[in-house]
Amino acid sequence: MVMSRSILVTIGQLAMYDQFKYWFVTKASMANDKMQTHIISSTFASITCTILTQPLDVLKTRIMNQSETCSGQTIKKQVMDLYRSSGLRGFYKGFVPAFIRVGPHTILVFVIYEQLRIQFGVNLC
């Protein structure tokens, strides 16, 4: 579960930040190296990251909190039980707190990264 989540975090943050930044610069005519572009791109990347990782976080928490009598349940059984009891919305329980945790982290990381890149003259065409 942890490795799967790490993969989705990487896709949601790194890959999607670059994609959103590219889209905003080329399609929305935003300036490439402006703080506004970095903040908006990283905000969208953090939303994407939270959307991708929240179902795994919910399942991971359910598995960790299950009693000893149910400890042999498979991930498939956990998915089916959660879907039966809560539907698709059940996979996104705690979405807002997760976004409040991931959002500022992602925004700060990419804004600091971009500012350091600009400060040291690294041009990523």
Protein backbone atom coordinates (compact mmCIF):
# COMPACT_ATOMS: atom_id res chain seq x y z
CA MET A 1 0.00 0.00 0.00
CA VAL A 2 2.79 2.40 0.88
CA MET A 3 4.64 1.79 -2.39
CA SER A 4 1.46 2.22 -4.41
CA ARG A 5 0.74 5.47 -2.62
CA SER A 6 4.30 6.69 -3.23
CA ILE A 7 3.91 6.04 -6.94
CA LEU A 8 0.66 8.00 -7.06
CA VAL A 9 2.14 10.86 -5.02
CA THR A 10 5.00 11.11 -7.49
CA ILE A 11 2.62 11.13 -10.44
CA GLY A 12 0.28 13.58 -8.73
CA GLN A 13 2.94 16.03 -7.66
CA LEU A 14 5.94 15.90 -9.99
CA ALA A 15 4.43 14.87 -13.30
CA MET A 16 1.22 16.84 -12.91
CA TYR A 17 3.04 20.00 -11.78
CA ASP A 18 5.00 19.98 -15.02
CA GLN A 19 1.88 19.25 -17.06
CA PHE A 20 -0.18 21.97 -15.42
CA LYS A 21 2.66 24.48 -15.72
CA TYR A 22 3.11 23.61 -19.40
CA TRP A 23 -0.62 23.94 -19.99
CA PHE A 24 -0.90 27.30 -18.20
CA VAL A 25 2.12 28.71 -20.05
CA THR A 26 1.17 27.47 -23.53
CA LYS A 27 -2.63 27.45 -23.49
CA ALA A 28 -3.55 30.06 -20.88
CA SER A 29 -0.74 32.47 -21.84
CA MET A 30 0.67 32.76 -18.34
CA ALA A 31 4.26 33.86 -17.87
CA ASN A 32 6.69 30.95 -17.47
CA ASP A 33 8.66 32.16 -14.47
CA LYS A 34 6.11 34.16 -12.50
CA MET A 35 5.19 33.26 -8.94
CA GLN A 36 1.50 33.19 -9.91
CA THR A 37 2.13 30.43 -12.47
CA HIS A 38 4.06 28.37 -9.92
CA ILE A 39 1.41 28.74 -7.23
CA ILE A 40 -1.50 27.89 -9.52
CA SER A 41 0.30 24.93 -11.11
CA SER A 42 1.31 23.50 -7.74
CA THR A 43 -2.20 23.99 -6.36
CA PHE A 44 -3.67 21.96 -9.22
CA ALA A 45 -0.93 19.35 -8.76
CA SER A 46 -1.78 19.04 -5.06
CA ILE A 47 -5.49 18.61 -5.85
CA THR A 48 -4.60 15.89 -8.38
CA CYS A 49 -2.27 14.23 -5.87
CA THR A 50 -4.99 14.16 -3.22
CA ILE A 51 -7.55 12.75 -5.69
CA LEU A 52 -5.14 9.99 -6.69
CA THR A 53 -3.93 9.02 -3.22
CA GLN A 54 -7.01 9.38 -1.02
CA PRO A 55 -8.57 5.98 -1.90
CA LEU A 56 -5.31 4.23 -0.95
CA ASP A 57 -5.04 6.25 2.26
CA VAL A 58 -8.58 5.24 3.25
CA LEU A 59 -7.89 1.57 2.49
CA LYS A 60 -4.54 1.67 4.29
CA THR A 61 -6.20 3.16 7.38
CA ARG A 62 -8.98 0.55 7.32
CA ILE A 63 -6.44 -2.26 7.07
CA MET A 64 -4.35 -0.84 9.91
CA ASN A 65 -7.40 -0.38 12.15
CA GLN A 66 -9.04 -3.75 11.58
CA SER A 67 -9.40 -6.03 14.56
CA GLU A 68 -7.32 -9.16 15.02
CA THR A 69 -10.29 -11.35 14.07
CA CYS A 70 -10.48 -9.66 10.64
CA SER A 71 -6.75 -9.30 10.08
CA GLY A 72 -6.70 -11.86 7.26
CA GLN A 73 -8.96 -9.81 4.98
CA THR A 74 -7.56 -9.15 1.54
CA ILE A 75 -7.38 -5.75 -0.07
CA LYS A 76 -10.07 -6.85 -2.53
CA LYS A 77 -12.40 -7.69 0.37
CA GLN A 78 -11.67 -4.32 1.98
CA VAL A 79 -12.47 -2.52 -1.29
CA MET A 80 -15.74 -4.42 -1.68
CA ASP A 81 -16.77 -3.81 1.95
CA LEU A 82 -16.02 -0.10 1.70
CA TYR A 83 -17.89 0.21 -1.60
CA ARG A 84 -20.91 -1.68 -0.23
CA SER A 85 -21.08 0.41 2.93
CA SER A 86 -20.27 3.88 1.55
CA GLY A 87 -20.19 3.78 -2.25
CA LEU A 88 -17.55 5.71 -4.17
CA ARG A 89 -17.71 8.57 -1.67
CA GLY A 90 -16.32 6.24 0.97
CA PHE A 91 -12.97 6.16 -0.81
CA TYR A 92 -12.67 9.92 -0.37
CA LYS A 93 -13.46 10.18 3.34
CA GLY A 94 -11.15 12.78 4.82
CA PHE A 95 -10.42 14.42 1.45
CA VAL A 96 -10.39 17.98 2.82
CA PRO A 97 -7.99 17.27 5.71
CA ALA A 98 -5.75 15.35 3.31
CA PHE A 99 -5.73 18.28 0.90
CA ILE A 100 -5.02 20.70 3.74
CA ARG A 101 -1.97 18.56 4.56
CA VAL A 102 -0.75 17.93 0.99
CA GLY A 103 -1.63 21.31 -0.55
CA PRO A 104 0.65 23.65 1.38
CA HIS A 105 3.51 21.14 1.22
CA THR A 106 3.26 20.82 -2.56
CA ILE A 107 2.91 24.56 -3.10
CA LEU A 108 5.89 25.39 -0.89
CA VAL A 109 8.10 22.73 -2.45
CA PHE A 110 7.49 23.87 -6.01
CA VAL A 111 7.58 27.61 -5.31
CA ILE A 112 10.89 27.22 -3.46
CA TYR A 113 12.21 24.94 -6.20
CA GLU A 114 11.30 27.41 -8.94
CA GLN A 115 12.71 30.38 -7.04
CA LEU A 116 16.00 28.56 -6.44
CA ARG A 117 16.10 27.53 -10.09
CA ILE A 118 15.60 31.14 -11.20
CA GLN A 119 18.08 32.47 -8.62
CA PHE A 120 20.82 30.12 -9.80
CA GLY A 121 20.08 30.70 -13.49
CA VAL A 122 18.99 27.20 -14.43
CA ASN A 123 16.81 27.36 -17.54
CA LEU A 124 14.61 24.34 -18.20
CA CYS A 125 13.38 24.84 -21.75
